[in-house]
Amino acid sequence: MISKNRTKLIRSLETKKGREKAGLFVAEGPKVVSDLLHGGFLAEEVLEDIEDIRKVSFLKHPQSVLGIFKMPEEADETSKDYSRTFHEHIEGQLVLALDGVQDPGNLGTIIRIADWFGIDDIFCSHETADCWNPKVVQATMGSIARVKLHYLDLNLLIDNLPIDYPVYATLLDGKNLYAQPLTAHGMIVMGNEGNGITPLLRTKINRKLLIPNYHAGREAAESLNVAVATSIVCAEFRRRQG
């Protein structure tokens, strides 16, 4: 039986402060836990007793397995070595950058999308939701084990990219995604759910795209959900590589 102190510790991992203090995060469900274990994450404890799980689960309907994992150490953020970050994680690759995506469900879904389309690295502004939030981890359905997230200053990161390095974003003044040349490498920037990309970062976008709608003159939605838009853009980039 899980102790009261242990229960209190695990419950504290629902908050970012609690996770940072303990250096731990929670993953729920056999698939997510299994993917993390196979991905090399270190489990401090794996609970399989359903009564214990019910005491600490963050889900409305607790699953049969709950893992408490050690948070991986941040690599590039402390050194601020943006040149090394470029050479190790960006050069020659297709990557995502998230500017203030705050909904945990959206972030988790985007991580899952990145995994599906073979995107290994996502660069996040400090305003983006914490990827170790239990809701984010759950929404990734295990993809968090295969996609690396980096929290840093996106403006400085882009400032340190080579001149004219492809930096894409979907903007209202962009050009039709399906009619524009797309490179096999580059950075795709996605913005906040309500406000889009911040003004300063927007000035650094050198390839503006637009996902066209097909309402044919009738009233339609003002915009797409950020995760849906990310999926459409990533699919088109990969389709071009054929």
C-alpha atoms as a PDB file:
ATOM      1  CA  MET A   1       0.000   0.000   0.000  1.00  0.00           C
ATOM      2  CA  ILE A   2       1.318   3.398  -0.937  1.00  0.00           C
ATOM      3  CA  SER A   3       2.147   5.656   2.022  1.00  0.00           C
ATOM      4  CA  LYS A   4       0.562   9.028   2.712  1.00  0.00           C
ATOM      5  CA  ASN A   5       3.881  10.809   2.207  1.00  0.00           C
ATOM      6  CA  ARG A   6       4.438   9.058  -1.097  1.00  0.00           C
ATOM      7  CA  THR A   7       0.895   9.901  -2.178  1.00  0.00           C
ATOM      8  CA  LYS A   8       1.479  13.544  -1.287  1.00  0.00           C
ATOM      9  CA  LEU A   9       4.735  13.621  -3.294  1.00  0.00           C
ATOM     10  CA  ILE A  10       3.163  12.106  -6.409  1.00  0.00           C
ATOM     11  CA  ARG A  11       0.163  14.418  -6.225  1.00  0.00           C
ATOM     12  CA  SER A  12       2.555  17.379  -6.039  1.00  0.00           C
ATOM     13  CA  LEU A  13       3.873  16.440  -9.482  1.00  0.00           C
ATOM     14  CA  GLU A  14       0.732  17.899 -11.026  1.00  0.00           C
ATOM     15  CA  THR A  15       2.325  21.352 -10.719  1.00  0.00           C
ATOM     16  CA  LYS A  16       5.448  22.603 -12.463  1.00  0.00           C
ATOM     17  CA  LYS A  17       6.868  23.741  -9.104  1.00  0.00           C
ATOM     18  CA  GLY A  18       6.365  20.280  -7.664  1.00  0.00           C
ATOM     19  CA  ARG A  19       7.965  18.589 -10.670  1.00  0.00           C
ATOM     20  CA  GLU A  20      10.986  20.882 -10.625  1.00  0.00           C
ATOM     21  CA  LYS A  21      11.470  20.418  -6.886  1.00  0.00           C
ATOM     22  CA  ALA A  22      11.320  16.619  -7.077  1.00  0.00           C
ATOM     23  CA  GLY A  23      12.898  16.251 -10.517  1.00  0.00           C
ATOM     24  CA  LEU A  24      10.107  13.842 -11.404  1.00  0.00           C
ATOM     25  CA  PHE A  25       7.067  13.597 -13.670  1.00  0.00           C
ATOM     26  CA  VAL A  26       4.108  11.238 -13.981  1.00  0.00           C
ATOM     27  CA  ALA A  27       3.051   9.104 -16.943  1.00  0.00           C
ATOM     28  CA  GLU A  28      -0.160   7.082 -16.973  1.00  0.00           C
ATOM     29  CA  GLY A  29      -1.236   4.111 -19.043  1.00  0.00           C
ATOM     30  CA  PRO A  30       0.639   0.993 -20.178  1.00  0.00           C
ATOM     31  CA  LYS A  31       1.579   2.361 -23.607  1.00  0.00           C
ATOM     32  CA  VAL A  32       2.955   5.687 -22.378  1.00  0.00           C
ATOM     33  CA  VAL A  33       4.894   4.031 -19.556  1.00  0.00           C
ATOM     34  CA  SER A  34       6.225   1.305 -21.877  1.00  0.00           C
ATOM     35  CA  ASP A  35       7.336   3.833 -24.517  1.00  0.00           C
ATOM     36  CA  LEU A  36       9.176   5.895 -21.919  1.00  0.00           C
ATOM     37  CA  LEU A  37      10.949   2.837 -20.532  1.00  0.00           C
ATOM     38  CA  HIS A  38      11.971   1.707 -24.018  1.00  0.00           C
ATOM     39  CA  GLY A  39      13.054   5.277 -24.785  1.00  0.00           C
ATOM     40  CA  GLY A  40      15.625   5.173 -21.996  1.00  0.00           C
ATOM     41  CA  PHE A  41      13.763   7.202 -19.373  1.00  0.00           C
ATOM     42  CA  LEU A  42      14.528   6.190 -15.802  1.00  0.00           C
ATOM     43  CA  ALA A  43      11.546   5.126 -13.724  1.00  0.00           C
ATOM     44  CA  GLU A  44      11.754   5.788 -10.014  1.00  0.00           C
ATOM     45  CA  GLU A  45       8.640   3.717  -9.473  1.00  0.00           C
ATOM     46  CA  VAL A  46       5.958   1.941 -11.497  1.00  0.00           C
ATOM     47  CA  LEU A  47       2.601   1.361  -9.814  1.00  0.00           C
ATOM     48  CA  GLU A  48       0.373  -1.502 -10.954  1.00  0.00           C
ATOM     49  CA  ASP A  49      -1.969  -1.824  -7.983  1.00  0.00           C
ATOM     50  CA  ILE A  50      -5.188  -0.162  -9.093  1.00  0.00           C
ATOM     51  CA  GLU A  51      -6.094   0.968  -5.569  1.00  0.00           C
ATOM     52  CA  ASP A  52      -2.754   2.756  -5.218  1.00  0.00           C
ATOM     53  CA  ILE A  53      -3.136   4.235  -8.691  1.00  0.00           C
ATOM     54  CA  ARG A  54      -6.585   5.622  -7.882  1.00  0.00           C
ATOM     55  CA  LYS A  55      -5.073   7.538  -4.948  1.00  0.00           C
ATOM     56  CA  VAL A  56      -2.577   9.410  -7.106  1.00  0.00           C
ATOM     57  CA  SER A  57      -3.953   9.376 -10.664  1.00  0.00           C
ATOM     58  CA  PHE A  58      -4.662  12.640 -12.461  1.00  0.00           C
ATOM     59  CA  LEU A  59      -7.118  10.934 -14.813  1.00  0.00           C
ATOM     60  CA  LYS A  60     -10.882  10.768 -14.425  1.00  0.00           C
ATOM     61  CA  HIS A  61     -10.642   7.087 -15.308  1.00  0.00           C
ATOM     62  CA  PRO A  62      -7.303   5.771 -13.963  1.00  0.00           C
ATOM     63  CA  GLN A  63      -5.447   3.224 -16.073  1.00  0.00           C
ATOM     64  CA  SER A  64      -3.716   0.017 -15.021  1.00  0.00           C
ATOM     65  CA  VAL A  65      -0.162   1.390 -14.890  1.00  0.00           C
ATOM     66  CA  LEU A  66       1.296   4.636 -13.540  1.00  0.00           C
ATOM     67  CA  GLY A  67       4.963   5.515 -13.722  1.00  0.00           C
ATOM     68  CA  ILE A  68       6.981   8.112 -11.826  1.00  0.00           C
ATOM     69  CA  PHE A  69       9.949   9.065 -14.015  1.00  0.00           C
ATOM     70  CA  LYS A  70      13.049  11.167 -13.529  1.00  0.00           C
ATOM     71  CA  MET A  71      13.017  14.350 -15.599  1.00  0.00           C
ATOM     72  CA  PRO A  72      15.847  14.436 -18.155  1.00  0.00           C
ATOM     73  CA  GLU A  73      18.485  17.109 -17.724  1.00  0.00           C
ATOM     74  CA  GLU A  74      18.189  20.182 -19.926  1.00  0.00           C
ATOM     75  CA  ALA A  75      21.025  20.226 -22.426  1.00  0.00           C
ATOM     76  CA  ASP A  76      21.396  23.456 -24.384  1.00  0.00           C
ATOM     77  CA  GLU A  77      19.389  25.875 -22.276  1.00  0.00           C
ATOM     78  CA  THR A  78      21.964  26.476 -19.530  1.00  0.00           C
ATOM     79  CA  SER A  79      24.884  27.077 -21.857  1.00  0.00           C
ATOM     80  CA  LYS A  80      22.932  29.309 -24.281  1.00  0.00           C
ATOM     81  CA  ASP A  81      25.172  27.860 -26.989  1.00  0.00           C
ATOM     82  CA  TYR A  82      22.816  28.488 -29.886  1.00  0.00           C
ATOM     83  CA  SER A  83      25.485  27.666 -32.455  1.00  0.00           C
ATOM     84  CA  ARG A  84      25.903  24.194 -31.005  1.00  0.00           C
ATOM     85  CA  THR A  85      22.137  23.801 -30.829  1.00  0.00           C
ATOM     86  CA  PHE A  86      21.929  24.552 -34.548  1.00  0.00           C
ATOM     87  CA  HIS A  87      24.620  22.073 -35.538  1.00  0.00           C
ATOM     88  CA  GLU A  88      23.362  19.298 -33.255  1.00  0.00           C
ATOM     89  CA  HIS A  89      19.587  19.607 -33.617  1.00  0.00           C
ATOM     90  CA  ILE A  90      18.590  21.860 -36.539  1.00  0.00           C
ATOM     91  CA  GLU A  91      21.055  21.771 -39.429  1.00  0.00           C
ATOM     92  CA  GLY A  92      19.679  19.726 -42.299  1.00  0.00           C
ATOM     93  CA  GLN A  93      16.534  18.829 -40.357  1.00  0.00           C
ATOM     94  CA  LEU A  94      12.897  19.848 -40.345  1.00  0.00           C
ATOM     95  CA  VAL A  95      12.059  21.164 -36.854  1.00  0.00           C
ATOM     96  CA  LEU A  96       9.169  22.856 -35.094  1.00  0.00           C
ATOM     97  CA  ALA A  97       9.236  26.010 -32.946  1.00  0.00           C
ATOM     98  CA  LEU A  98       6.337  26.809 -30.615  1.00  0.00           C
ATOM     99  CA  ASP A  99       5.804  30.421 -29.597  1.00  0.00           C
ATOM    100  CA  GLY A 100       3.577  30.390 -26.527  1.00  0.00           C
ATOM    101  CA  VAL A 101       1.407  27.318 -27.165  1.00  0.00           C
ATOM    102  CA  GLN A 102      -0.241  27.130 -23.758  1.00  0.00           C
ATOM    103  CA  ASP A 103      -2.921  24.458 -23.881  1.00  0.00           C
ATOM    104  CA  PRO A 104      -1.495  21.125 -22.598  1.00  0.00           C
ATOM    105  CA  GLY A 105      -3.705  19.143 -24.964  1.00  0.00           C
ATOM    106  CA  ASN A 106      -2.462  21.122 -27.958  1.00  0.00           C
ATOM    107  CA  LEU A 107       1.173  20.718 -26.946  1.00  0.00           C
ATOM    108  CA  GLY A 108       0.773  16.986 -26.386  1.00  0.00           C
ATOM    109  CA  THR A 109      -0.932  16.580 -29.746  1.00  0.00           C
ATOM    110  CA  ILE A 110       1.792  18.581 -31.518  1.00  0.00           C
ATOM    111  CA  ILE A 111       4.448  16.332 -29.965  1.00  0.00           C
ATOM    112  CA  ARG A 112       2.522  13.332 -31.282  1.00  0.00           C
ATOM    113  CA  ILE A 113       2.272  14.964 -34.724  1.00  0.00           C
ATOM    114  CA  ALA A 114       6.023  15.620 -34.743  1.00  0.00           C
ATOM    115  CA  ASP A 115       6.665  11.977 -33.915  1.00  0.00           C
ATOM    116  CA  TRP A 116       4.366  10.811 -36.716  1.00  0.00           C
ATOM    117  CA  PHE A 117       6.078  12.994 -39.312  1.00  0.00           C
ATOM    118  CA  GLY A 118       9.615  12.159 -38.200  1.00  0.00           C
ATOM    119  CA  ILE A 119      10.427  15.487 -36.566  1.00  0.00           C
ATOM    120  CA  ASP A 120      12.871  14.857 -33.724  1.00  0.00           C
ATOM    121  CA  ASP A 121      13.191  18.314 -32.147  1.00  0.00           C
ATOM    122  CA  ILE A 122      10.744  20.988 -31.003  1.00  0.00           C
ATOM    123  CA  PHE A 123      11.972  24.380 -29.773  1.00  0.00           C
ATOM    124  CA  CYS A 124       9.689  26.115 -27.286  1.00  0.00           C
ATOM    125  CA  SER A 125       9.516  29.633 -25.927  1.00  0.00           C
ATOM    126  CA  HIS A 126       9.433  29.918 -22.160  1.00  0.00           C
ATOM    127  CA  GLU A 127       5.738  30.845 -22.430  1.00  0.00           C
ATOM    128  CA  THR A 128       4.920  27.449 -23.958  1.00  0.00           C
ATOM    129  CA  ALA A 129       3.294  24.868 -21.652  1.00  0.00           C
ATOM    130  CA  ASP A 130       5.594  22.563 -19.701  1.00  0.00           C
ATOM    131  CA  CYS A 131       6.028  19.311 -21.625  1.00  0.00           C
ATOM    132  CA  TRP A 132       6.155  17.295 -18.365  1.00  0.00           C
ATOM    133  CA  ASN A 133       2.677  18.419 -17.333  1.00  0.00           C
ATOM    134  CA  PRO A 134       0.691  15.158 -16.836  1.00  0.00           C
ATOM    135  CA  LYS A 135      -1.921  16.332 -19.359  1.00  0.00           C
ATOM    136  CA  VAL A 136       0.771  16.936 -21.978  1.00  0.00           C
ATOM    137  CA  VAL A 137       2.464  13.589 -21.330  1.00  0.00           C
ATOM    138  CA  GLN A 138      -0.891  11.812 -21.593  1.00  0.00           C
ATOM    139  CA  ALA A 139      -1.829  13.594 -24.833  1.00  0.00           C
ATOM    140  CA  THR A 140       1.430  12.530 -26.509  1.00  0.00           C
ATOM    141  CA  MET A 141       0.435   8.849 -26.186  1.00  0.00           C
ATOM    142  CA  GLY A 142       4.104   7.943 -25.714  1.00  0.00           C
ATOM    143  CA  SER A 143       5.592  10.238 -28.368  1.00  0.00           C
ATOM    144  CA  ILE A 144       7.267  12.296 -25.627  1.00  0.00           C
ATOM    145  CA  ALA A 145       9.759   9.411 -25.421  1.00  0.00           C
ATOM    146  CA  ARG A 146      10.948  10.026 -28.986  1.00  0.00           C
ATOM    147  CA  VAL A 147      10.710  13.801 -29.493  1.00  0.00           C
ATOM    148  CA  LYS A 148      13.146  16.163 -27.768  1.00  0.00           C
ATOM    149  CA  LEU A 149      11.836  19.505 -26.505  1.00  0.00           C
ATOM    150  CA  HIS A 150      14.135  22.487 -25.900  1.00  0.00           C
ATOM    151  CA  TYR A 151      12.973  25.532 -23.902  1.00  0.00           C
ATOM    152  CA  LEU A 152      14.887  28.668 -24.834  1.00  0.00           C
ATOM    153  CA  ASP A 153      14.636  32.171 -26.273  1.00  0.00           C
ATOM    154  CA  LEU A 154      13.254  31.661 -29.783  1.00  0.00           C
ATOM    155  CA  ASN A 155      14.271  35.147 -30.885  1.00  0.00           C
ATOM    156  CA  LEU A 156      17.893  34.524 -29.965  1.00  0.00           C
ATOM    157  CA  LEU A 157      17.793  31.068 -31.515  1.00  0.00           C
ATOM    158  CA  ILE A 158      16.589  32.421 -34.861  1.00  0.00           C
ATOM    159  CA  ASP A 159      19.044  35.335 -34.667  1.00  0.00           C
ATOM    160  CA  ASN A 160      21.823  32.757 -34.486  1.00  0.00           C
ATOM    161  CA  LEU A 161      20.664  30.756 -37.498  1.00  0.00           C
ATOM    162  CA  PRO A 162      22.606  31.177 -40.768  1.00  0.00           C
ATOM    163  CA  ILE A 163      21.417  34.087 -42.920  1.00  0.00           C
ATOM    164  CA  ASP A 164      18.374  33.153 -44.991  1.00  0.00           C
ATOM    165  CA  TYR A 165      17.944  29.830 -43.178  1.00  0.00           C
ATOM    166  CA  PRO A 166      14.324  28.792 -43.954  1.00  0.00           C
ATOM    167  CA  VAL A 167      12.017  29.952 -41.133  1.00  0.00           C
ATOM    168  CA  TYR A 168       8.390  29.227 -42.006  1.00  0.00           C
ATOM    169  CA  ALA A 169       5.132  30.236 -40.331  1.00  0.00           C
ATOM    170  CA  THR A 170       1.452  30.283 -41.235  1.00  0.00           C
ATOM    171  CA  LEU A 171       0.269  33.903 -41.273  1.00  0.00           C
ATOM    172  CA  LEU A 172      -2.737  35.740 -42.665  1.00  0.00           C
ATOM    173  CA  ASP A 173      -0.473  37.639 -45.073  1.00  0.00           C
ATOM    174  CA  GLY A 174       1.251  34.446 -46.162  1.00  0.00           C
ATOM    175  CA  LYS A 175       1.116  32.730 -49.549  1.00  0.00           C
ATOM    176  CA  ASN A 176      -0.789  29.560 -50.368  1.00  0.00           C
ATOM    177  CA  LEU A 177       0.990  26.625 -48.706  1.00  0.00           C
ATOM    178  CA  TYR A 178       0.226  24.341 -51.639  1.00  0.00           C
ATOM    179  CA  ALA A 179       1.658  26.707 -54.251  1.00  0.00           C
ATOM    180  CA  GLN A 180       4.937  27.616 -52.527  1.00  0.00           C
ATOM    181  CA  PRO A 181       8.309  25.872 -52.769  1.00  0.00           C
ATOM    182  CA  LEU A 182       9.113  24.051 -49.528  1.00  0.00           C
ATOM    183  CA  THR A 183      12.586  22.950 -48.469  1.00  0.00           C
ATOM    184  CA  ALA A 184      13.349  19.554 -46.942  1.00  0.00           C
ATOM    185  CA  HIS A 185      14.956  21.323 -43.979  1.00  0.00           C
ATOM    186  CA  GLY A 186      14.000  24.399 -41.994  1.00  0.00           C
ATOM    187  CA  MET A 187      12.072  25.631 -38.970  1.00  0.00           C
ATOM    188  CA  ILE A 188       8.268  25.792 -38.824  1.00  0.00           C
ATOM    189  CA  VAL A 189       7.034  28.308 -36.230  1.00  0.00           C
ATOM    190  CA  MET A 190       3.561  27.918 -34.706  1.00  0.00           C
ATOM    191  CA  GLY A 191       2.075  30.568 -32.435  1.00  0.00           C
ATOM    192  CA  ASN A 192      -0.164  30.995 -29.409  1.00  0.00           C
ATOM    193  CA  GLU A 193      -3.755  29.776 -29.615  1.00  0.00           C
ATOM    194  CA  GLY A 194      -5.285  33.242 -29.269  1.00  0.00           C
ATOM    195  CA  ASN A 195      -2.595  35.726 -30.254  1.00  0.00           C
ATOM    196  CA  GLY A 196      -0.521  33.875 -32.804  1.00  0.00           C
ATOM    197  CA  ILE A 197       3.180  34.593 -33.146  1.00  0.00           C
ATOM    198  CA  THR A 198       4.591  37.436 -31.050  1.00  0.00           C
ATOM    199  CA  PRO A 199       5.355  40.654 -32.999  1.00  0.00           C
ATOM    200  CA  LEU A 200       9.144  40.527 -32.655  1.00  0.00           C
ATOM    201  CA  LEU A 201       9.378  36.897 -33.699  1.00  0.00           C
ATOM    202  CA  ARG A 202       7.063  37.578 -36.637  1.00  0.00           C
ATOM    203  CA  THR A 203       9.668  39.964 -38.100  1.00  0.00           C
ATOM    204  CA  LYS A 204      12.119  37.067 -38.285  1.00  0.00           C
ATOM    205  CA  ILE A 205       9.900  34.836 -40.442  1.00  0.00           C
ATOM    206  CA  ASN A 206      11.362  34.759 -43.954  1.00  0.00           C
ATOM    207  CA  ARG A 207       8.875  32.341 -45.546  1.00  0.00           C
ATOM    208  CA  LYS A 208       5.241  33.196 -44.848  1.00  0.00           C
ATOM    209  CA  LEU A 209       2.640  30.551 -45.598  1.00  0.00           C
ATOM    210  CA  LEU A 210      -1.144  30.489 -45.617  1.00  0.00           C
ATOM    211  CA  ILE A 211      -3.388  27.457 -45.215  1.00  0.00           C
ATOM    212  CA  PRO A 212      -6.229  28.337 -47.597  1.00  0.00           C
ATOM    213  CA  ASN A 213      -9.825  27.647 -46.715  1.00  0.00           C
ATOM    214  CA  TYR A 214     -12.410  26.431 -49.179  1.00  0.00           C
ATOM    215  CA  HIS A 215     -15.597  28.075 -47.978  1.00  0.00           C
ATOM    216  CA  ALA A 216     -16.374  29.415 -51.473  1.00  0.00           C
ATOM    217  CA  GLY A 217     -17.812  32.688 -50.235  1.00  0.00           C
ATOM    218  CA  ARG A 218     -19.853  31.338 -47.342  1.00  0.00           C
ATOM    219  CA  GLU A 219     -19.205  32.013 -43.656  1.00  0.00           C
ATOM    220  CA  ALA A 220     -16.475  29.807 -42.166  1.00  0.00           C
ATOM    221  CA  ALA A 221     -14.290  29.416 -39.094  1.00  0.00           C
ATOM    222  CA  GLU A 222     -11.878  32.300 -38.465  1.00  0.00           C
ATOM    223  CA  SER A 223      -8.901  30.033 -37.905  1.00  0.00           C
ATOM    224  CA  LEU A 224      -7.689  26.489 -37.318  1.00  0.00           C
ATOM    225  CA  ASN A 225      -6.675  24.927 -34.033  1.00  0.00           C
ATOM    226  CA  VAL A 226      -2.873  25.196 -33.705  1.00  0.00           C
ATOM    227  CA  ALA A 227      -2.392  21.432 -33.547  1.00  0.00           C
ATOM    228  CA  VAL A 228      -4.569  20.908 -36.629  1.00  0.00           C
ATOM    229  CA  ALA A 229      -2.638  23.606 -38.503  1.00  0.00           C
ATOM    230  CA  THR A 230       0.661  22.004 -37.475  1.00  0.00           C
ATOM    231  CA  SER A 231      -0.497  18.663 -38.814  1.00  0.00           C
ATOM    232  CA  ILE A 232      -1.535  20.144 -42.178  1.00  0.00           C
ATOM    233  CA  VAL A 233       1.770  21.980 -42.629  1.00  0.00           C
ATOM    234  CA  CYS A 234       3.924  19.008 -41.597  1.00  0.00           C
ATOM    235  CA  ALA A 235       1.981  16.701 -43.907  1.00  0.00           C
ATOM    236  CA  GLU A 236       2.577  18.999 -46.877  1.00  0.00           C
ATOM    237  CA  PHE A 237       6.306  19.304 -46.151  1.00  0.00           C
ATOM    238  CA  ARG A 238       6.676  15.535 -45.964  1.00  0.00           C
ATOM    239  CA  ARG A 239       4.498  14.979 -49.036  1.00  0.00           C
ATOM    240  CA  ARG A 240       6.844  17.145 -51.099  1.00  0.00           C
ATOM    241  CA  GLN A 241       9.762  14.916 -50.096  1.00  0.00           C
ATOM    242  CA  GLY A 242       7.766  12.058 -51.553  1.00  0.00           C
END
